[in-house]
């Protein structure tokens, strides 16, 4: 289960057009540590409904707390997500 702040969710919807609740549907392809001074945060790249997204999250008390969710740019997705091998 992913948790998030209600006000942060409203701000995310206004800025990025997607609710943090959609992080539940997120299929992770790659995760990196996002350097942030006050707490360890992670940047995950993956898909929701076949579209590329970037999820910023942290771990608090053993729970995933979503901070931001937005569409990922193809350029950054290609940079952080290794290509899948062909069978």
PDB file of N, CA and C in Angstrom:
ATOM      1  N   UNK A   1       0.840  -1.187   0.000  1.00  0.00           N
ATOM      2  CA  UNK A   1       0.000   0.000   0.000  1.00  0.00           C
ATOM      3  C   UNK A   1       0.882   1.246   0.000  1.00  0.00           C
ATOM      4  N   UNK A   2       0.508   2.209  -0.790  1.00  0.00           N
ATOM      5  CA  UNK A   2       1.249   3.461  -0.903  1.00  0.00           C
ATOM      6  C   UNK A   2       0.466   4.555  -0.195  1.00  0.00           C
ATOM      7  N   UNK A   3       1.169   5.335   0.607  1.00  0.00           N
ATOM      8  CA  UNK A   3       0.501   6.439   1.287  1.00  0.00           C
ATOM      9  C   UNK A   3       1.011   7.764   0.729  1.00  0.00           C
ATOM     10  N   UNK A   4       0.227   8.817   0.950  1.00  0.00           N
ATOM     11  CA  UNK A   4       0.602  10.148   0.480  1.00  0.00           C
ATOM     12  C   UNK A   4      -0.220  11.186   1.225  1.00  0.00           C
ATOM     13  N   UNK A   5       0.264  12.393   1.197  1.00  0.00           N
ATOM     14  CA  UNK A   5      -0.413  13.519   1.818  1.00  0.00           C
ATOM     15  C   UNK A   5      -1.511  14.018   0.882  1.00  0.00           C
ATOM     16  N   UNK A   6      -2.686  14.251   1.428  1.00  0.00           N
ATOM     17  CA  UNK A   6      -3.835  14.679   0.614  1.00  0.00           C
ATOM     18  C   UNK A   6      -3.580  16.011  -0.102  1.00  0.00           C
ATOM     19  N   UNK A   7      -2.979  16.964   0.601  1.00  0.00           N
ATOM     20  CA  UNK A   7      -2.682  18.262  -0.023  1.00  0.00           C
ATOM     21  C   UNK A   7      -1.625  18.106  -1.114  1.00  0.00           C
ATOM     22  N   UNK A   8      -0.649  17.236  -0.867  1.00  0.00           N
ATOM     23  CA  UNK A   8       0.378  16.977  -1.878  1.00  0.00           C
ATOM     24  C   UNK A   8      -0.258  16.348  -3.120  1.00  0.00           C
ATOM     25  N   UNK A   9      -1.249  15.495  -2.906  1.00  0.00           N
ATOM     26  CA  UNK A   9      -1.948  14.870  -4.022  1.00  0.00           C
ATOM     27  C   UNK A   9      -2.687  15.910  -4.859  1.00  0.00           C
ATOM     28  N   UNK A  10      -3.371  16.828  -4.191  1.00  0.00           N
ATOM     29  CA  UNK A  10      -4.078  17.888  -4.920  1.00  0.00           C
ATOM     30  C   UNK A  10      -3.100  18.732  -5.738  1.00  0.00           C
ATOM     31  N   UNK A  11      -1.967  19.074  -5.131  1.00  0.00           N
ATOM     32  CA  UNK A  11      -0.949  19.862  -5.841  1.00  0.00           C
ATOM     33  C   UNK A  11      -0.387  19.074  -7.025  1.00  0.00           C
ATOM     34  N   UNK A  12      -0.173  17.780  -6.834  1.00  0.00           N
ATOM     35  CA  UNK A  12       0.359  16.944  -7.910  1.00  0.00           C
ATOM     36  C   UNK A  12      -0.632  16.857  -9.072  1.00  0.00           C
ATOM     37  N   UNK A  13      -1.922  16.762  -8.756  1.00  0.00           N
ATOM     38  CA  UNK A  13      -2.937  16.707  -9.803  1.00  0.00           C
ATOM     39  C   UNK A  13      -2.978  18.005 -10.600  1.00  0.00           C
ATOM     40  N   UNK A  14      -2.862  19.119  -9.908  1.00  0.00           N
ATOM     41  CA  UNK A  14      -2.865  20.408 -10.605  1.00  0.00           C
ATOM     42  C   UNK A  14      -1.618  20.579 -11.480  1.00  0.00           C
ATOM     43  N   UNK A  15      -0.465  20.195 -10.945  1.00  0.00           N
ATOM     44  CA  UNK A  15       0.793  20.400 -11.662  1.00  0.00           C
ATOM     45  C   UNK A  15       1.022  19.365 -12.769  1.00  0.00           C
ATOM     46  N   UNK A  16       0.729  18.079 -12.469  1.00  0.00           N
ATOM     47  CA  UNK A  16       1.082  16.999 -13.397  1.00  0.00           C
ATOM     48  C   UNK A  16      -0.114  16.260 -13.993  1.00  0.00           C
ATOM     49  N   UNK A  17      -1.320  16.568 -13.520  1.00  0.00           N
ATOM     50  CA  UNK A  17      -2.509  15.955 -14.093  1.00  0.00           C
ATOM     51  C   UNK A  17      -2.737  14.505 -13.726  1.00  0.00           C
ATOM     52  N   UNK A  18      -2.110  14.050 -12.634  1.00  0.00           N
ATOM     53  CA  UNK A  18      -2.277  12.659 -12.211  1.00  0.00           C
ATOM     54  C   UNK A  18      -2.278  12.607 -10.681  1.00  0.00           C
ATOM     55  N   UNK A  19      -3.132  11.750 -10.137  1.00  0.00           N
ATOM     56  CA  UNK A  19      -3.220  11.588  -8.689  1.00  0.00           C
ATOM     57  C   UNK A  19      -2.111  10.676  -8.186  1.00  0.00           C
ATOM     58  N   UNK A  20      -1.622  10.959  -6.987  1.00  0.00           N
ATOM     59  CA  UNK A  20      -0.631  10.088  -6.364  1.00  0.00           C
ATOM     60  C   UNK A  20      -1.208   8.704  -6.089  1.00  0.00           C
ATOM     61  N   UNK A  21      -2.523   8.591  -6.034  1.00  0.00           N
ATOM     62  CA  UNK A  21      -3.171   7.291  -5.841  1.00  0.00           C
ATOM     63  C   UNK A  21      -2.845   6.337  -6.988  1.00  0.00           C
ATOM     64  N   UNK A  22      -2.542   6.864  -8.162  1.00  0.00           N
ATOM     65  CA  UNK A  22      -2.187   6.017  -9.313  1.00  0.00           C
ATOM     66  C   UNK A  22      -0.847   5.309  -9.119  1.00  0.00           C
ATOM     67  N   UNK A  23      -0.090   5.698  -8.100  1.00  0.00           N
ATOM     68  CA  UNK A  23       1.166   5.006  -7.806  1.00  0.00           C
ATOM     69  C   UNK A  23       0.906   3.532  -7.480  1.00  0.00           C
ATOM     70  N   UNK A  24      -0.293   3.210  -7.056  1.00  0.00           N
ATOM     71  CA  UNK A  24      -0.667   1.811  -6.801  1.00  0.00           C
ATOM     72  C   UNK A  24      -0.621   0.990  -8.095  1.00  0.00           C
ATOM     73  N   UNK A  25      -0.832   1.638  -9.235  1.00  0.00           N
ATOM     74  CA  UNK A  25      -0.855   0.965 -10.535  1.00  0.00           C
ATOM     75  C   UNK A  25       0.502   0.977 -11.227  1.00  0.00           C
ATOM     76  N   UNK A  26       1.501   1.525 -10.584  1.00  0.00           N
ATOM     77  CA  UNK A  26       2.822   1.754 -11.168  1.00  0.00           C
ATOM     78  C   UNK A  26       3.592   0.446 -11.307  1.00  0.00           C
ATOM     79  N   UNK A  27       4.067   0.161 -12.513  1.00  0.00           N
ATOM     80  CA  UNK A  27       4.908  -1.016 -12.783  1.00  0.00           C
ATOM     81  C   UNK A  27       6.343  -0.529 -12.928  1.00  0.00           C
ATOM     82  N   UNK A  28       7.174  -0.799 -11.923  1.00  0.00           N
ATOM     83  CA  UNK A  28       8.536  -0.263 -11.882  1.00  0.00           C
ATOM     84  C   UNK A  28       9.464  -0.994 -12.842  1.00  0.00           C
ATOM     85  N   UNK A  29      10.208  -0.209 -13.641  1.00  0.00           N
ATOM     86  CA  UNK A  29      11.223  -0.744 -14.535  1.00  0.00           C
ATOM     87  C   UNK A  29      12.629  -0.472 -14.005  1.00  0.00           C
ATOM     88  N   UNK A  30      12.811   0.624 -13.239  1.00  0.00           N
ATOM     89  CA  UNK A  30      14.120   0.975 -12.687  1.00  0.00           C
ATOM     90  C   UNK A  30      13.937   1.951 -11.530  1.00  0.00           C
ATOM     91  N   UNK A  31      14.843   1.879 -10.555  1.00  0.00           N
ATOM     92  CA  UNK A  31      14.820   2.786  -9.408  1.00  0.00           C
ATOM     93  C   UNK A  31      16.232   3.281  -9.143  1.00  0.00           C
ATOM     94  N   UNK A  32      16.352   4.580  -8.856  1.00  0.00           N
ATOM     95  CA  UNK A  32      17.639   5.156  -8.494  1.00  0.00           C
ATOM     96  C   UNK A  32      17.458   5.959  -7.203  1.00  0.00           C
ATOM     97  N   UNK A  33      18.562   6.157  -6.489  1.00  0.00           N
ATOM     98  CA  UNK A  33      18.520   7.013  -5.303  1.00  0.00           C
ATOM     99  C   UNK A  33      18.552   8.452  -5.779  1.00  0.00           C
ATOM    100  N   UNK A  34      17.633   9.240  -5.269  1.00  0.00           N
ATOM    101  CA  UNK A  34      17.517  10.651  -5.639  1.00  0.00           C
ATOM    102  C   UNK A  34      18.178  11.472  -4.536  1.00  0.00           C
ATOM    103  N   UNK A  35      19.307  12.134  -4.807  1.00  0.00           N
ATOM    104  CA  UNK A  35      19.980  12.874  -3.739  1.00  0.00           C
ATOM    105  C   UNK A  35      19.104  14.014  -3.214  1.00  0.00           C
ATOM    106  N   UNK A  36      18.749  13.913  -1.960  1.00  0.00           N
ATOM    107  CA  UNK A  36      17.908  14.916  -1.323  1.00  0.00           C
ATOM    108  C   UNK A  36      18.471  15.122   0.077  1.00  0.00           C
ATOM    109  N   UNK A  37      18.682  16.354   0.482  1.00  0.00           N
ATOM    110  CA  UNK A  37      19.431  16.588   1.719  1.00  0.00           C
ATOM    111  C   UNK A  37      18.781  16.102   3.017  1.00  0.00           C
ATOM    112  N   UNK A  38      17.472  16.151   3.151  1.00  0.00           N
ATOM    113  CA  UNK A  38      16.873  15.867   4.454  1.00  0.00           C
ATOM    114  C   UNK A  38      16.454  14.413   4.668  1.00  0.00           C
ATOM    115  N   UNK A  39      16.211  13.666   3.619  1.00  0.00           N
ATOM    116  CA  UNK A  39      15.838  12.258   3.764  1.00  0.00           C
ATOM    117  C   UNK A  39      16.179  11.515   2.476  1.00  0.00           C
ATOM    118  N   UNK A  40      16.326  10.199   2.575  1.00  0.00           N
ATOM    119  CA  UNK A  40      16.621   9.405   1.388  1.00  0.00           C
ATOM    120  C   UNK A  40      15.353   9.276   0.555  1.00  0.00           C
ATOM    121  N   UNK A  41      15.460   9.687  -0.687  1.00  0.00           N
ATOM    122  CA  UNK A  41      14.344   9.568  -1.625  1.00  0.00           C
ATOM    123  C   UNK A  41      14.782   8.735  -2.811  1.00  0.00           C
ATOM    124  N   UNK A  42      13.810   8.182  -3.480  1.00  0.00           N
ATOM    125  CA  UNK A  42      14.058   7.339  -4.634  1.00  0.00           C
ATOM    126  C   UNK A  42      13.266   7.877  -5.820  1.00  0.00           C
ATOM    127  N   UNK A  43      13.838   7.683  -6.997  1.00  0.00           N
ATOM    128  CA  UNK A  43      13.169   8.038  -8.242  1.00  0.00           C
ATOM    129  C   UNK A  43      12.975   6.731  -9.006  1.00  0.00           C
ATOM    130  N   UNK A  44      11.725   6.387  -9.239  1.00  0.00           N
ATOM    131  CA  UNK A  44      11.418   5.153  -9.953  1.00  0.00           C
ATOM    132  C   UNK A  44      10.835   5.503 -11.316  1.00  0.00           C
ATOM    133  N   UNK A  45      11.224   4.734 -12.304  1.00  0.00           N
ATOM    134  CA  UNK A  45      10.694   4.888 -13.655  1.00  0.00           C
ATOM    135  C   UNK A  45       9.923   3.625 -13.994  1.00  0.00           C
ATOM    136  N   UNK A  46       8.755   3.826 -14.555  1.00  0.00           N
ATOM    137  CA  UNK A  46       7.932   2.681 -14.896  1.00  0.00           C
ATOM    138  C   UNK A  46       6.748   3.100 -15.732  1.00  0.00           C
ATOM    139  N   UNK A  47       5.725   2.239 -15.724  1.00  0.00           N
ATOM    140  CA  UNK A  47       4.579   2.471 -16.593  1.00  0.00           C
ATOM    141  C   UNK A  47       3.263   2.399 -15.826  1.00  0.00           C
ATOM    142  N   UNK A  48       2.346   3.226 -16.269  1.00  0.00           N
ATOM    143  CA  UNK A  48       0.947   3.154 -15.844  1.00  0.00           C
ATOM    144  C   UNK A  48       0.136   3.175 -17.131  1.00  0.00           C
ATOM    145  N   UNK A  49      -0.673   2.164 -17.316  1.00  0.00           N
ATOM    146  CA  UNK A  49      -1.478   2.050 -18.542  1.00  0.00           C
ATOM    147  C   UNK A  49      -0.626   2.177 -19.798  1.00  0.00           C
ATOM    148  N   UNK A  50       0.586   1.622 -19.757  1.00  0.00           N
ATOM    149  CA  UNK A  50       1.468   1.625 -20.921  1.00  0.00           C
ATOM    150  C   UNK A  50       2.217   2.924 -21.155  1.00  0.00           C
ATOM    151  N   UNK A  51       1.980   3.948 -20.346  1.00  0.00           N
ATOM    152  CA  UNK A  51       2.658   5.242 -20.492  1.00  0.00           C
ATOM    153  C   UNK A  51       3.803   5.332 -19.481  1.00  0.00           C
ATOM    154  N   UNK A  52       4.883   6.013 -19.848  1.00  0.00           N
ATOM    155  CA  UNK A  52       6.037   6.154 -18.965  1.00  0.00           C
ATOM    156  C   UNK A  52       5.786   7.214 -17.896  1.00  0.00           C
ATOM    157  N   UNK A  53       6.135   6.868 -16.645  1.00  0.00           N
ATOM    158  CA  UNK A  53       5.978   7.782 -15.511  1.00  0.00           C
ATOM    159  C   UNK A  53       7.225   7.764 -14.639  1.00  0.00           C
ATOM    160  N   UNK A  54       7.360   8.825 -13.854  1.00  0.00           N
ATOM    161  CA  UNK A  54       8.424   8.933 -12.866  1.00  0.00           C
ATOM    162  C   UNK A  54       7.750   9.144 -11.511  1.00  0.00           C
ATOM    163  N   UNK A  55       8.103   8.311 -10.554  1.00  0.00           N
ATOM    164  CA  UNK A  55       7.563   8.387  -9.197  1.00  0.00           C
ATOM    165  C   UNK A  55       8.690   8.720  -8.239  1.00  0.00           C
ATOM    166  N   UNK A  56       8.523   9.796  -7.475  1.00  0.00           N
ATOM    167  CA  UNK A  56       9.451  10.129  -6.411  1.00  0.00           C
ATOM    168  C   UNK A  56       8.807   9.643  -5.123  1.00  0.00           C
ATOM    169  N   UNK A  57       9.572   8.867  -4.335  1.00  0.00           N
ATOM    170  CA  UNK A  57       9.012   8.346  -3.093  1.00  0.00           C
ATOM    171  C   UNK A  57      10.092   8.208  -2.038  1.00  0.00           C
ATOM    172  N   UNK A  58       9.650   8.023  -0.815  1.00  0.00           N
ATOM    173  CA  UNK A  58      10.547   7.751   0.298  1.00  0.00           C
ATOM    174  C   UNK A  58       9.967   6.597   1.091  1.00  0.00           C
ATOM    175  N   UNK A  59      10.756   6.058   1.989  1.00  0.00           N
ATOM    176  CA  UNK A  59      10.287   4.991   2.864  1.00  0.00           C
ATOM    177  C   UNK A  59      10.205   5.561   4.275  1.00  0.00           C
ATOM    178  N   UNK A  60       9.030   5.510   4.869  1.00  0.00           N
ATOM    179  CA  UNK A  60       8.818   5.994   6.231  1.00  0.00           C
ATOM    180  C   UNK A  60       8.119   4.914   7.033  1.00  0.00           C
ATOM    181  N   UNK A  61       8.762   4.536   8.116  1.00  0.00           N
ATOM    182  CA  UNK A  61       8.209   3.489   8.996  1.00  0.00           C
ATOM    183  C   UNK A  61       7.842   2.234   8.209  1.00  0.00           C
ATOM    184  N   UNK A  62       8.689   1.886   7.243  1.00  0.00           N
ATOM    185  CA  UNK A  62       8.469   0.683   6.450  1.00  0.00           C
ATOM    186  C   UNK A  62       7.388   0.800   5.402  1.00  0.00           C
ATOM    187  N   UNK A  63       6.892   2.007   5.178  1.00  0.00           N
ATOM    188  CA  UNK A  63       5.842   2.227   4.171  1.00  0.00           C
ATOM    189  C   UNK A  63       6.360   3.089   3.036  1.00  0.00           C
ATOM    190  N   UNK A  64       5.812   2.859   1.849  1.00  0.00           N
ATOM    191  CA  UNK A  64       6.156   3.681   0.689  1.00  0.00           C
ATOM    192  C   UNK A  64       5.284   4.933   0.729  1.00  0.00           C
ATOM    193  N   UNK A  65       5.938   6.096   0.733  1.00  0.00           N
ATOM    194  CA  UNK A  65       5.210   7.378   0.747  1.00  0.00           C
ATOM    195  C   UNK A  65       5.508   8.105  -0.554  1.00  0.00           C
ATOM    196  N   UNK A  66       4.484   8.256  -1.385  1.00  0.00           N
ATOM    197  CA  UNK A  66       4.617   8.930  -2.680  1.00  0.00           C
ATOM    198  C   UNK A  66       4.738  10.429  -2.449  1.00  0.00           C
ATOM    199  N   UNK A  67       5.682  11.049  -3.150  1.00  0.00           N
ATOM    200  CA  UNK A  67       5.912  12.485  -3.051  1.00  0.00           C
ATOM    201  C   UNK A  67       5.494  13.187  -4.337  1.00  0.00           C
ATOM    202  N   UNK A  68       5.801  12.570  -5.475  1.00  0.00           N
ATOM    203  CA  UNK A  68       5.468  13.158  -6.769  1.00  0.00           C
ATOM    204  C   UNK A  68       5.298  12.047  -7.794  1.00  0.00           C
ATOM    205  N   UNK A  69       4.373  12.251  -8.707  1.00  0.00           N
ATOM    206  CA  UNK A  69       4.163  11.327  -9.810  1.00  0.00           C
ATOM    207  C   UNK A  69       3.882  12.160 -11.047  1.00  0.00           C
ATOM    208  N   UNK A  70       4.649  11.910 -12.097  1.00  0.00           N
ATOM    209  CA  UNK A  70       4.500  12.694 -13.326  1.00  0.00           C
ATOM    210  C   UNK A  70       4.862  11.823 -14.514  1.00  0.00           C
ATOM    211  N   UNK A  71       4.452  12.279 -15.702  1.00  0.00           N
ATOM    212  CA  UNK A  71       4.880  11.604 -16.932  1.00  0.00           C
ATOM    213  C   UNK A  71       6.388  11.756 -17.068  1.00  0.00           C
ATOM    214  N   UNK A  72       7.040  10.712 -17.472  1.00  0.00           N
ATOM    215  CA  UNK A  72       8.488  10.741 -17.678  1.00  0.00           C
ATOM    216  C   UNK A  72       8.786  11.136 -19.113  1.00  0.00           C
ATOM    217  N   UNK A  73       9.832  11.892 -19.284  1.00  0.00           N
ATOM    218  CA  UNK A  73      10.294  12.255 -20.619  1.00  0.00           C
ATOM    219  C   UNK A  73      11.014  11.049 -21.221  1.00  0.00           C
ATOM    220  N   UNK A  74      10.842  10.816 -22.489  1.00  0.00           N
ATOM    221  CA  UNK A  74      11.475   9.681 -23.157  1.00  0.00           C
ATOM    222  C   UNK A  74      12.991   9.698 -22.959  1.00  0.00           C
ATOM    223  N   UNK A  75      13.581  10.879 -23.013  1.00  0.00           N
ATOM    224  CA  UNK A  75      15.030  11.010 -22.873  1.00  0.00           C
ATOM    225  C   UNK A  75      15.518  10.521 -21.502  1.00  0.00           C
ATOM    226  N   UNK A  76      14.819  10.899 -20.429  1.00  0.00           N
ATOM    227  CA  UNK A  76      15.248  10.460 -19.100  1.00  0.00           C
ATOM    228  C   UNK A  76      14.926   8.983 -18.888  1.00  0.00           C
ATOM    229  N   UNK A  77      13.840   8.520 -19.459  1.00  0.00           N
ATOM    230  CA  UNK A  77      13.499   7.103 -19.357  1.00  0.00           C
ATOM    231  C   UNK A  77      14.593   6.259 -20.007  1.00  0.00           C
ATOM    232  N   UNK A  78      15.027   6.669 -21.192  1.00  0.00           N
ATOM    233  CA  UNK A  78      16.097   5.955 -21.891  1.00  0.00           C
ATOM    234  C   UNK A  78      17.409   6.003 -21.121  1.00  0.00           C
ATOM    235  N   UNK A  79      17.634   7.088 -20.384  1.00  0.00           N
ATOM    236  CA  UNK A  79      18.861   7.253 -19.614  1.00  0.00           C
ATOM    237  C   UNK A  79      18.908   6.310 -18.415  1.00  0.00           C
ATOM    238  N   UNK A  80      17.796   6.133 -17.723  1.00  0.00           N
ATOM    239  CA  UNK A  80      17.782   5.383 -16.471  1.00  0.00           C
ATOM    240  C   UNK A  80      17.275   3.949 -16.576  1.00  0.00           C
ATOM    241  N   UNK A  81      16.508   3.640 -17.594  1.00  0.00           N
ATOM    242  CA  UNK A  81      15.939   2.295 -17.708  1.00  0.00           C
ATOM    243  C   UNK A  81      16.728   1.511 -18.751  1.00  0.00           C
ATOM    244  N   UNK A  82      17.387   0.442 -18.327  1.00  0.00           N
ATOM    245  CA  UNK A  82      18.150  -0.345 -19.309  1.00  0.00           C
ATOM    246  C   UNK A  82      17.212  -1.037 -20.292  1.00  0.00           C
ATOM    247  N   UNK A  83      17.643  -1.153 -21.540  1.00  0.00           N
ATOM    248  CA  UNK A  83      16.793  -1.837 -22.525  1.00  0.00           C
ATOM    249  C   UNK A  83      16.600  -3.300 -22.134  1.00  0.00           C
ATOM    250  N   UNK A  84      15.417  -3.804 -22.407  1.00  0.00           N
ATOM    251  CA  UNK A  84      15.128  -5.213 -22.101  1.00  0.00           C
ATOM    252  C   UNK A  84      15.711  -6.078 -23.198  1.00  0.00           C
ATOM    253  N   UNK A  85      16.339  -7.194 -22.800  1.00  0.00           N
ATOM    254  CA  UNK A  85      16.904  -8.090 -23.829  1.00  0.00           C
ATOM    255  C   UNK A  85      15.801  -8.738 -24.664  1.00  0.00           C
ATOM    256  N   UNK A  86      16.117  -8.911 -25.903  1.00  0.00           N
ATOM    257  CA  UNK A  86      15.159  -9.582 -26.804  1.00  0.00           C
ATOM    258  C   UNK A  86      15.329 -11.091 -26.678  1.00  0.00           C
ATOM    259  N   UNK A  87      14.223 -11.815 -26.721  1.00  0.00           N
ATOM    260  CA  UNK A  87      14.306 -13.292 -26.594  1.00  0.00           C
ATOM    261  C   UNK A  87      14.947 -13.936 -27.802  1.00  0.00           C
TER     262      UNK A  87
END
